[in-house]
PDB file of N, CA and C in Angstrom:
ATOM      1  N   MET A   1       0.938  -1.067  -0.059  1.00  0.00           N
ATOM      2  CA  MET A   1      -0.037  -0.088   0.142  1.00  0.00           C
ATOM      3  C   MET A   1       0.870   1.211  -0.037  1.00  0.00           C
ATOM      4  N   THR A   2       0.715   2.051  -0.933  1.00  0.00           N
ATOM      5  CA  THR A   2       1.639   3.080  -1.446  1.00  0.00           C
ATOM      6  C   THR A   2       0.339   4.386  -1.250  1.00  0.00           C
ATOM      7  N   ALA A   3       1.427   5.497  -0.314  1.00  0.00           N
ATOM      8  CA  ALA A   3       0.371   7.090  -0.128  1.00  0.00           C
ATOM      9  C   ALA A   3       1.555   7.703  -1.295  1.00  0.00           C
ATOM     10  N   TRP A   4       0.981   8.458  -2.409  1.00  0.00           N
ATOM     11  CA  TRP A   4       1.874   9.264  -3.111  1.00  0.00           C
ATOM     12  C   TRP A   4       1.159  10.547  -3.155  1.00  0.00           C
ATOM     13  N   ALA A   5       2.170  11.663  -3.500  1.00  0.00           N
ATOM     14  CA  ALA A   5       1.556  12.874  -3.706  1.00  0.00           C
ATOM     15  C   ALA A   5       1.542  13.081  -5.803  1.00  0.00           C
ATOM     16  N   SER A   6       0.428  12.878  -5.788  1.00  0.00           N
ATOM     17  CA  SER A   6       0.349  12.925  -7.344  1.00  0.00           C
ATOM     18  C   SER A   6       0.886  14.308  -7.998  1.00  0.00           C
ATOM     19  N   LYS A   7       0.791  15.624  -7.518  1.00  0.00           N
ATOM     20  CA  LYS A   7       1.062  16.743  -8.047  1.00  0.00           C
ATOM     21  C   LYS A   7       2.787  16.666  -7.857  1.00  0.00           C
ATOM     22  N   ASN A   8       3.191  16.392  -7.123  1.00  0.00           N
ATOM     23  CA  ASN A   8       4.640  16.381  -6.863  1.00  0.00           C
ATOM     24  C   ASN A   8       5.405  15.204  -7.141  1.00  0.00           C
ATOM     25  N   ARG A   9       4.343  13.971  -7.640  1.00  0.00           N
ATOM     26  CA  ARG A   9       5.219  12.706  -7.859  1.00  0.00           C
ATOM     27  C   ARG A   9       6.114  12.213  -7.160  1.00  0.00           C
ATOM     28  N   LEU A  10       5.443  12.103  -5.622  1.00  0.00           N
ATOM     29  CA  LEU A  10       6.332  11.651  -4.424  1.00  0.00           C
ATOM     30  C   LEU A  10       6.015  10.807  -3.868  1.00  0.00           C
ATOM     31  N   VAL A  11       6.223   9.401  -3.509  1.00  0.00           N
ATOM     32  CA  VAL A  11       5.973   8.961  -2.528  1.00  0.00           C
ATOM     33  C   VAL A  11       6.306   9.194  -1.006  1.00  0.00           C
ATOM     34  N   LEU A  12       5.029   9.125  -0.267  1.00  0.00           N
ATOM     35  CA  LEU A  12       4.854   9.643   1.161  1.00  0.00           C
ATOM     36  C   LEU A  12       5.036   8.565   2.131  1.00  0.00           C
ATOM     37  N   GLY A  13       4.100   7.307   1.694  1.00  0.00           N
ATOM     38  CA  GLY A  13       4.664   6.294   2.568  1.00  0.00           C
ATOM     39  C   GLY A  13       4.286   4.857   1.872  1.00  0.00           C
ATOM     40  N   GLN A  14       4.666   3.997   2.722  1.00  0.00           N
ATOM     41  CA  GLN A  14       4.556   2.703   2.400  1.00  0.00           C
ATOM     42  C   GLN A  14       4.280   1.849   3.156  1.00  0.00           C
ATOM     43  N   VAL A  15       3.620   0.587   3.406  1.00  0.00           N
ATOM     44  CA  VAL A  15       3.305  -0.087   4.196  1.00  0.00           C
ATOM     45  C   VAL A  15       2.647  -1.605   3.451  1.00  0.00           C
ATOM     46  N   LYS A  16       4.031  -2.500   3.620  1.00  0.00           N
ATOM     47  CA  LYS A  16       3.395  -3.812   3.412  1.00  0.00           C
ATOM     48  C   LYS A  16       2.091  -4.710   3.559  1.00  0.00           C
ATOM     49  N   VAL A  17       1.573  -5.248   2.628  1.00  0.00           N
ATOM     50  CA  VAL A  17       0.132  -5.724   3.245  1.00  0.00           C
ATOM     51  C   VAL A  17       0.636  -7.399   3.507  1.00  0.00           C
ATOM     52  N   ASP A  18       0.048  -7.909   4.947  1.00  0.00           N
ATOM     53  CA  ASP A  18       0.353  -8.992   4.996  1.00  0.00           C
ATOM     54  C   ASP A  18      -0.176  -9.851   4.169  1.00  0.00           C
ATOM     55  N   SER A  19       0.715 -11.335   4.201  1.00  0.00           N
ATOM     56  CA  SER A  19       0.169 -12.120   3.101  1.00  0.00           C
ATOM     57  C   SER A  19      -1.209 -12.681   3.226  1.00  0.00           C
ATOM     58  N   HIS A  20      -1.500 -12.518   4.319  1.00  0.00           N
ATOM     59  CA  HIS A  20      -2.849 -13.389   4.555  1.00  0.00           C
ATOM     60  C   HIS A  20      -4.118 -12.305   4.919  1.00  0.00           C
ATOM     61  N   SER A  21      -3.987 -11.163   4.440  1.00  0.00           N
ATOM     62  CA  SER A  21      -4.766  -9.600   4.615  1.00  0.00           C
ATOM     63  C   SER A  21      -5.266  -9.189   3.315  1.00  0.00           C
ATOM     64  N   ASN A  22      -5.620  -7.937   3.686  1.00  0.00           N
ATOM     65  CA  ASN A  22      -5.913  -6.874   2.280  1.00  0.00           C
ATOM     66  C   ASN A  22      -5.566  -5.851   2.759  1.00  0.00           C
ATOM     67  N   GLU A  23      -5.855  -4.289   1.706  1.00  0.00           N
ATOM     68  CA  GLU A  23      -5.812  -3.512   2.140  1.00  0.00           C
ATOM     69  C   GLU A  23      -6.557  -2.812   3.388  1.00  0.00           C
ATOM     70  N   MET A  24      -7.454  -3.231   3.728  1.00  0.00           N
ATOM     71  CA  MET A  24      -7.958  -2.503   4.520  1.00  0.00           C
ATOM     72  C   MET A  24      -7.386  -3.080   5.621  1.00  0.00           C
ATOM     73  N   THR A  25      -6.045  -3.275   6.483  1.00  0.00           N
ATOM     74  CA  THR A  25      -5.535  -3.194   7.334  1.00  0.00           C
ATOM     75  C   THR A  25      -4.373  -2.629   7.509  1.00  0.00           C
ATOM     76  N   ALA A  26      -3.914  -2.119   6.186  1.00  0.00           N
ATOM     77  CA  ALA A  26      -2.468  -1.572   5.816  1.00  0.00           C
ATOM     78  C   ALA A  26      -2.977  -0.148   5.677  1.00  0.00           C
ATOM     79  N   ILE A  27      -4.397   0.008   5.169  1.00  0.00           N
ATOM     80  CA  ILE A  27      -4.217   1.647   5.187  1.00  0.00           C
ATOM     81  C   ILE A  27      -4.630   2.288   6.467  1.00  0.00           C
ATOM     82  N   PRO A  28      -5.004   1.733   7.260  1.00  0.00           N
ATOM     83  CA  PRO A  28      -4.783   2.690   9.077  1.00  0.00           C
ATOM     84  C   PRO A  28      -3.557   2.596   9.069  1.00  0.00           C
ATOM     85  N   ALA A  29      -2.925   1.593   8.885  1.00  0.00           N
ATOM     86  CA  ALA A  29      -1.331   2.075   9.431  1.00  0.00           C
ATOM     87  C   ALA A  29      -0.735   3.043   8.550  1.00  0.00           C
ATOM     88  N   LEU A  30      -0.853   3.023   7.073  1.00  0.00           N
ATOM     89  CA  LEU A  30      -0.404   3.935   6.722  1.00  0.00           C
ATOM     90  C   LEU A  30      -0.638   5.347   6.724  1.00  0.00           C
ATOM     91  N   LEU A  31      -2.202   5.832   7.289  1.00  0.00           N
ATOM     92  CA  LEU A  31      -2.517   6.628   7.740  1.00  0.00           C
ATOM     93  C   LEU A  31      -2.389   7.513   9.002  1.00  0.00           C
ATOM     94  N   GLU A  32      -1.377   6.436   9.640  1.00  0.00           N
ATOM     95  CA  GLU A  32      -1.086   6.987  10.993  1.00  0.00           C
ATOM     96  C   GLU A  32       1.021   7.289  10.604  1.00  0.00           C
ATOM     97  N   LEU A  33       1.433   6.901   9.513  1.00  0.00           N
ATOM     98  CA  LEU A  33       2.606   7.434   9.349  1.00  0.00           C
ATOM     99  C   LEU A  33       2.965   8.968   9.069  1.00  0.00           C
ATOM    100  N   ILE A  34       1.783   8.876   8.279  1.00  0.00           N
ATOM    101  CA  ILE A  34       2.187  10.449   7.179  1.00  0.00           C
ATOM    102  C   ILE A  34       0.985  11.569   7.705  1.00  0.00           C
ATOM    103  N   ASP A  35       1.418  13.123   7.536  1.00  0.00           N
ATOM    104  CA  ASP A  35       0.215  13.779   8.127  1.00  0.00           C
ATOM    105  C   ASP A  35      -0.210  14.443   6.928  1.00  0.00           C
ATOM    106  N   VAL A  36      -1.595  13.981   6.908  1.00  0.00           N
ATOM    107  CA  VAL A  36      -2.688  14.222   5.727  1.00  0.00           C
ATOM    108  C   VAL A  36      -3.436  15.523   6.010  1.00  0.00           C
ATOM    109  N   THR A  37      -2.783  16.336   6.826  1.00  0.00           N
ATOM    110  CA  THR A  37      -4.059  16.985   7.218  1.00  0.00           C
ATOM    111  C   THR A  37      -4.477  17.872   5.963  1.00  0.00           C
ATOM    112  N   GLY A  38      -5.379  18.608   5.675  1.00  0.00           N
ATOM    113  CA  GLY A  38      -5.713  19.354   4.411  1.00  0.00           C
ATOM    114  C   GLY A  38      -5.503  18.441   3.148  1.00  0.00           C
ATOM    115  N   ALA A  39      -5.260  17.516   3.193  1.00  0.00           N
ATOM    116  CA  ALA A  39      -5.482  16.584   2.129  1.00  0.00           C
ATOM    117  C   ALA A  39      -6.342  16.090   1.324  1.00  0.00           C
ATOM    118  N   ILE A  40      -6.409  15.443   0.018  1.00  0.00           N
ATOM    119  CA  ILE A  40      -7.446  15.265  -0.278  1.00  0.00           C
ATOM    120  C   ILE A  40      -7.047  13.497  -0.521  1.00  0.00           C
ATOM    121  N   ILE A  41      -7.610  12.467  -0.024  1.00  0.00           N
ATOM    122  CA  ILE A  41      -7.771  11.051  -0.296  1.00  0.00           C
ATOM    123  C   ILE A  41      -8.313  10.729  -0.608  1.00  0.00           C
ATOM    124  N   THR A  42      -8.021   9.523  -2.276  1.00  0.00           N
ATOM    125  CA  THR A  42      -8.795   8.954  -2.788  1.00  0.00           C
ATOM    126  C   THR A  42      -8.295   7.669  -2.363  1.00  0.00           C
ATOM    127  N   MET A  43      -9.313   6.868  -3.041  1.00  0.00           N
ATOM    128  CA  MET A  43      -9.174   5.152  -2.704  1.00  0.00           C
ATOM    129  C   MET A  43     -10.231   4.719  -3.346  1.00  0.00           C
ATOM    130  N   ASP A  44      -9.759   3.124  -3.710  1.00  0.00           N
ATOM    131  CA  ASP A  44     -10.795   2.261  -4.377  1.00  0.00           C
ATOM    132  C   ASP A  44     -11.593   2.042  -3.609  1.00  0.00           C
ATOM    133  N   ALA A  45     -12.159   0.932  -3.660  1.00  0.00           N
ATOM    134  CA  ALA A  45     -13.872   0.464  -3.025  1.00  0.00           C
ATOM    135  C   ALA A  45     -13.116  -0.181  -1.871  1.00  0.00           C
ATOM    136  N   MET A  46     -11.745  -0.629  -1.774  1.00  0.00           N
ATOM    137  CA  MET A  46     -11.311  -1.344  -0.350  1.00  0.00           C
ATOM    138  C   MET A  46     -11.422  -0.505   0.758  1.00  0.00           C
ATOM    139  N   GLY A  47     -11.514   1.031   0.089  1.00  0.00           N
ATOM    140  CA  GLY A  47     -11.205   1.931   1.282  1.00  0.00           C
ATOM    141  C   GLY A  47     -12.377   2.190   1.635  1.00  0.00           C
ATOM    142  N   THR A  48     -13.529   2.149   1.131  1.00  0.00           N
ATOM    143  CA  THR A  48     -14.744   2.374   1.525  1.00  0.00           C
ATOM    144  C   THR A  48     -15.412   1.752   3.142  1.00  0.00           C
ATOM    145  N   GLN A  49     -14.591   2.047   4.167  1.00  0.00           N
ATOM    146  CA  GLN A  49     -14.761   1.394   5.138  1.00  0.00           C
ATOM    147  C   GLN A  49     -15.272   2.429   6.343  1.00  0.00           C
ATOM    148  N   THR A  50     -16.324   2.337   7.470  1.00  0.00           N
ATOM    149  CA  THR A  50     -16.714   3.361   8.459  1.00  0.00           C
ATOM    150  C   THR A  50     -15.330   3.969   9.318  1.00  0.00           C
ATOM    151  N   GLU A  51     -14.523   2.979   9.750  1.00  0.00           N
ATOM    152  CA  GLU A  51     -13.482   3.278  10.443  1.00  0.00           C
ATOM    153  C   GLU A  51     -12.306   3.402   9.518  1.00  0.00           C
ATOM    154  N   ILE A  52     -12.108   3.651   8.669  1.00  0.00           N
ATOM    155  CA  ILE A  52     -11.166   4.263   7.773  1.00  0.00           C
ATOM    156  C   ILE A  52     -11.411   5.549   7.432  1.00  0.00           C
ATOM    157  N   ILE A  53     -12.844   5.600   7.128  1.00  0.00           N
ATOM    158  CA  ILE A  53     -13.438   7.204   6.801  1.00  0.00           C
ATOM    159  C   ILE A  53     -13.484   8.069   8.016  1.00  0.00           C
ATOM    160  N   LYS A  54     -13.855   7.359   9.421  1.00  0.00           N
ATOM    161  CA  LYS A  54     -13.136   7.851  10.679  1.00  0.00           C
ATOM    162  C   LYS A  54     -12.059   8.414  10.613  1.00  0.00           C
ATOM    163  N   GLN A  55     -11.232   7.476  10.820  1.00  0.00           N
ATOM    164  CA  GLN A  55      -9.781   8.115  10.692  1.00  0.00           C
ATOM    165  C   GLN A  55      -9.490   9.229   9.946  1.00  0.00           C
ATOM    166  N   ILE A  56      -9.901   9.218   8.447  1.00  0.00           N
ATOM    167  CA  ILE A  56      -9.127  10.333   7.540  1.00  0.00           C
ATOM    168  C   ILE A  56      -9.744  11.876   8.289  1.00  0.00           C
ATOM    169  N   ILE A  57     -10.986  11.429   8.666  1.00  0.00           N
ATOM    170  CA  ILE A  57     -11.972  12.834   9.396  1.00  0.00           C
ATOM    171  C   ILE A  57     -10.943  13.461  10.205  1.00  0.00           C
ATOM    172  N   GLN A  58     -10.711  11.964  11.612  1.00  0.00           N
ATOM    173  CA  GLN A  58      -9.688  12.662  12.758  1.00  0.00           C
ATOM    174  C   GLN A  58      -8.678  13.375  12.675  1.00  0.00           C
ATOM    175  N   LYS A  59      -8.245  12.969  11.336  1.00  0.00           N
ATOM    176  CA  LYS A  59      -6.590  13.738  10.993  1.00  0.00           C
ATOM    177  C   LYS A  59      -6.517  14.940   9.802  1.00  0.00           C
ATOM    178  N   LYS A  60      -8.458  15.560  10.240  1.00  0.00           N
ATOM    179  CA  LYS A  60      -8.393  16.422   9.350  1.00  0.00           C
ATOM    180  C   LYS A  60      -8.276  16.837   7.702  1.00  0.00           C
ATOM    181  N   ALA A  61      -8.668  15.683   7.094  1.00  0.00           N
ATOM    182  CA  ALA A  61      -8.196  15.316   6.193  1.00  0.00           C
ATOM    183  C   ALA A  61      -9.383  15.168   5.181  1.00  0.00           C
ATOM    184  N   ASN A  62      -9.873  15.069   4.268  1.00  0.00           N
ATOM    185  CA  ASN A  62     -10.988  15.157   2.788  1.00  0.00           C
ATOM    186  C   ASN A  62     -10.893  13.898   2.391  1.00  0.00           C
ATOM    187  N   TYR A  63     -11.693  12.844   1.754  1.00  0.00           N
ATOM    188  CA  TYR A  63     -11.418  11.855   0.765  1.00  0.00           C
ATOM    189  C   TYR A  63     -12.599  11.792   0.047  1.00  0.00           C
ATOM    190  N   VAL A  64     -12.487  11.146  -0.995  1.00  0.00           N
ATOM    191  CA  VAL A  64     -12.928  10.571  -2.110  1.00  0.00           C
ATOM    192  C   VAL A  64     -12.491   9.067  -2.107  1.00  0.00           C
ATOM    193  N   VAL A  65     -13.827   8.232  -2.274  1.00  0.00           N
ATOM    194  CA  VAL A  65     -13.756   6.749  -2.212  1.00  0.00           C
ATOM    195  C   VAL A  65     -14.681   6.159  -3.377  1.00  0.00           C
ATOM    196  N   CYS A  66     -14.901   5.451  -3.965  1.00  0.00           N
ATOM    197  CA  CYS A  66     -15.890   4.381  -4.654  1.00  0.00           C
ATOM    198  C   CYS A  66     -16.589   3.919  -3.932  1.00  0.00           C
ATOM    199  N   LEU A  67     -17.792   3.805  -4.554  1.00  0.00           N
ATOM    200  CA  LEU A  67     -18.917   3.200  -3.839  1.00  0.00           C
ATOM    201  C   LEU A  67     -19.759   2.220  -4.832  1.00  0.00           C
ATOM    202  N   LYS A  68     -19.686   0.961  -4.165  1.00  0.00           N
ATOM    203  CA  LYS A  68     -20.016  -0.293  -5.404  1.00  0.00           C
ATOM    204  C   LYS A  68     -21.578  -0.660  -4.705  1.00  0.00           C
ATOM    205  N   SER A  69     -21.996  -1.315  -5.371  1.00  0.00           N
ATOM    206  CA  SER A  69     -23.182  -2.010  -4.870  1.00  0.00           C
ATOM    207  C   SER A  69     -23.291  -2.842  -3.968  1.00  0.00           C
ATOM    208  N   ASN A  70     -22.265  -3.372  -3.611  1.00  0.00           N
ATOM    209  CA  ASN A  70     -22.436  -4.256  -2.653  1.00  0.00           C
ATOM    210  C   ASN A  70     -22.130  -3.719  -1.056  1.00  0.00           C
ATOM    211  N   HIS A  71     -22.230  -2.086  -1.138  1.00  0.00           N
ATOM    212  CA  HIS A  71     -22.763  -1.475  -0.012  1.00  0.00           C
ATOM    213  C   HIS A  71     -24.275  -0.744   0.118  1.00  0.00           C
ATOM    214  N   GLN A  72     -25.092  -1.862  -0.105  1.00  0.00           N
ATOM    215  CA  GLN A  72     -26.464  -1.940  -0.933  1.00  0.00           C
ATOM    216  C   GLN A  72     -27.504  -0.691  -0.034  1.00  0.00           C
ATOM    217  N   THR A  73     -27.265  -0.627   1.106  1.00  0.00           N
ATOM    218  CA  THR A  73     -28.306   0.785   1.721  1.00  0.00           C
ATOM    219  C   THR A  73     -27.785   1.719   1.199  1.00  0.00           C
ATOM    220  N   LEU A  74     -26.436   2.178   1.436  1.00  0.00           N
ATOM    221  CA  LEU A  74     -25.551   3.472   1.150  1.00  0.00           C
ATOM    222  C   LEU A  74     -25.749   3.550  -0.630  1.00  0.00           C
ATOM    223  N   TYR A  75     -25.353   2.704  -1.125  1.00  0.00           N
ATOM    224  CA  TYR A  75     -25.270   2.612  -2.535  1.00  0.00           C
ATOM    225  C   TYR A  75     -26.731   3.047  -3.032  1.00  0.00           C
ATOM    226  N   ASN A  76     -28.173   2.356  -2.516  1.00  0.00           N
ATOM    227  CA  ASN A  76     -29.224   3.145  -3.253  1.00  0.00           C
ATOM    228  C   ASN A  76     -29.531   4.248  -2.569  1.00  0.00           C
ATOM    229  N   GLN A  77     -29.030   5.074  -1.570  1.00  0.00           N
ATOM    230  CA  GLN A  77     -29.665   6.098  -0.925  1.00  0.00           C
ATOM    231  C   GLN A  77     -28.985   7.276  -2.094  1.00  0.00           C
ATOM    232  N   VAL A  78     -27.347   6.615  -2.064  1.00  0.00           N
ATOM    233  CA  VAL A  78     -26.655   7.988  -3.297  1.00  0.00           C
ATOM    234  C   VAL A  78     -27.131   8.068  -4.612  1.00  0.00           C
ATOM    235  N   LYS A  79     -27.651   7.100  -5.123  1.00  0.00           N
ATOM    236  CA  LYS A  79     -28.353   6.452  -6.553  1.00  0.00           C
ATOM    237  C   LYS A  79     -29.701   7.129  -6.489  1.00  0.00           C
ATOM    238  N   SER A  80     -30.349   7.307  -5.528  1.00  0.00           N
ATOM    239  CA  SER A  80     -31.865   7.699  -5.199  1.00  0.00           C
ATOM    240  C   SER A  80     -31.620   9.237  -5.168  1.00  0.00           C
ATOM    241  N   TRP A  81     -30.533   9.813  -4.512  1.00  0.00           N
ATOM    242  CA  TRP A  81     -30.440  10.980  -4.323  1.00  0.00           C
ATOM    243  C   TRP A  81     -30.155  11.749  -5.514  1.00  0.00           C
ATOM    244  N   PHE A  82     -28.588  11.222  -6.234  1.00  0.00           N
ATOM    245  CA  PHE A  82     -28.606  12.131  -7.208  1.00  0.00           C
ATOM    246  C   PHE A  82     -29.717  11.429  -8.655  1.00  0.00           C
ATOM    247  N   GLU A  83     -30.479  10.681  -8.815  1.00  0.00           N
ATOM    248  CA  GLU A  83     -31.604  10.626  -9.815  1.00  0.00           C
ATOM    249  C   GLU A  83     -32.682  11.739  -9.391  1.00  0.00           C
ATOM    250  N   ILE A  84     -33.353  11.562  -8.369  1.00  0.00           N
ATOM    251  CA  ILE A  84     -33.723  12.577  -7.802  1.00  0.00           C
ATOM    252  C   ILE A  84     -33.322  14.440  -8.305  1.00  0.00           C
ATOM    253  N   GLN A  85     -32.361  14.530  -7.890  1.00  0.00           N
ATOM    254  CA  GLN A  85     -31.373  16.031  -7.934  1.00  0.00           C
ATOM    255  C   GLN A  85     -31.183  15.892  -9.666  1.00  0.00           C
ATOM    256  N   SER A  86     -31.246  14.941 -10.130  1.00  0.00           N
ATOM    257  CA  SER A  86     -30.613  15.148 -11.696  1.00  0.00           C
ATOM    258  C   SER A  86     -32.388  15.595 -12.371  1.00  0.00           C
ATOM    259  N   SER A  87     -32.748  15.049 -11.879  1.00  0.00           N
ATOM    260  CA  SER A  87     -34.810  15.295 -12.232  1.00  0.00           C
ATOM    261  C   SER A  87     -35.046  16.749 -12.497  1.00  0.00           C
ATOM    262  N   ARG A  88     -34.563  17.229 -11.334  1.00  0.00           N
ATOM    263  CA  ARG A  88     -34.651  18.766 -10.911  1.00  0.00           C
ATOM    264  C   ARG A  88     -33.681  19.571 -11.630  1.00  0.00           C
ATOM    265  N   GLN A  89     -32.559  19.212 -11.973  1.00  0.00           N
ATOM    266  CA  GLN A  89     -31.355  19.726 -12.722  1.00  0.00           C
ATOM    267  C   GLN A  89     -30.485  20.372 -11.760  1.00  0.00           C
ATOM    268  N   PHE A  90     -30.652  19.738 -10.333  1.00  0.00           N
ATOM    269  CA  PHE A  90     -29.492  20.039  -9.598  1.00  0.00           C
ATOM    270  C   PHE A  90     -29.581  21.510  -8.674  1.00  0.00           C
ATOM    271  N   ASP A  91     -31.181  22.000  -8.747  1.00  0.00           N
ATOM    272  CA  ASP A  91     -31.936  22.678  -8.670  1.00  0.00           C
ATOM    273  C   ASP A  91     -31.341  23.167  -6.971  1.00  0.00           C
ATOM    274  N   GLY A  92     -30.819  24.512  -6.632  1.00  0.00           N
ATOM    275  CA  GLY A  92     -30.626  24.648  -5.301  1.00  0.00           C
ATOM    276  C   GLY A  92     -29.417  24.001  -4.867  1.00  0.00           C
ATOM    277  N   VAL A  93     -28.404  22.739  -5.474  1.00  0.00           N
ATOM    278  CA  VAL A  93     -27.502  22.097  -5.056  1.00  0.00           C
ATOM    279  C   VAL A  93     -26.158  22.747  -5.258  1.00  0.00           C
ATOM    280  N   LYS A  94     -25.516  23.155  -4.139  1.00  0.00           N
ATOM    281  CA  LYS A  94     -24.575  24.231  -4.238  1.00  0.00           C
ATOM    282  C   LYS A  94     -23.344  23.031  -5.445  1.00  0.00           C
ATOM    283  N   MET A  95     -22.590  23.005  -6.176  1.00  0.00           N
ATOM    284  CA  MET A  95     -21.829  22.583  -6.867  1.00  0.00           C
ATOM    285  C   MET A  95     -21.041  23.131  -7.453  1.00  0.00           C
ATOM    286  N   THR A  96     -19.632  22.388  -8.392  1.00  0.00           N
ATOM    287  CA  THR A  96     -19.008  22.813  -9.129  1.00  0.00           C
ATOM    288  C   THR A  96     -18.538  21.612 -10.151  1.00  0.00           C
ATOM    289  N   ASP A  97     -17.992  22.009 -11.404  1.00  0.00           N
ATOM    290  CA  ASP A  97     -17.443  21.118 -12.054  1.00  0.00           C
ATOM    291  C   ASP A  97     -16.411  21.127 -12.957  1.00  0.00           C
ATOM    292  N   TYR A  98     -15.389  20.378 -13.092  1.00  0.00           N
ATOM    293  CA  TYR A  98     -14.271  20.402 -13.586  1.00  0.00           C
ATOM    294  C   TYR A  98     -13.594  19.044 -14.230  1.00  0.00           C
ATOM    295  N   ARG A  99     -13.290  19.412 -15.537  1.00  0.00           N
ATOM    296  CA  ARG A  99     -13.356  18.476 -16.447  1.00  0.00           C
ATOM    297  C   ARG A  99     -11.454  18.610 -17.004  1.00  0.00           C
ATOM    298  N   GLN A 100     -10.998  17.331 -17.412  1.00  0.00           N
ATOM    299  CA  GLN A 100      -9.861  17.321 -18.130  1.00  0.00           C
ATOM    300  C   GLN A 100     -10.060  16.721 -18.734  1.00  0.00           C
ATOM    301  N   VAL A 101      -9.578  16.878 -20.234  1.00  0.00           N
ATOM    302  CA  VAL A 101      -9.274  15.677 -21.107  1.00  0.00           C
ATOM    303  C   VAL A 101      -7.770  15.659 -21.962  1.00  0.00           C
TER     304      VAL A 101
END
């Protein structure tokens, strides 16, 4: 598991994943090694765990994680919210859009 600063192309820290484990145990250990205050942490769906998100918030960082349908309740709530807001053309929702090709 590696934490890196993409803008600076710099590895910030690295934790070996145990052979009988996965990233869910390495992520909290990695978060303890580095100062992430004010950072935006991105993770794939493996990082979408309540305790990991709590740790990120406690360290005063922001996060972007993937949400897959195997988190059925939350997935359905988010999907429903987007469907409703889309039908209203996101009227009253403060948002920004950034695209890079």
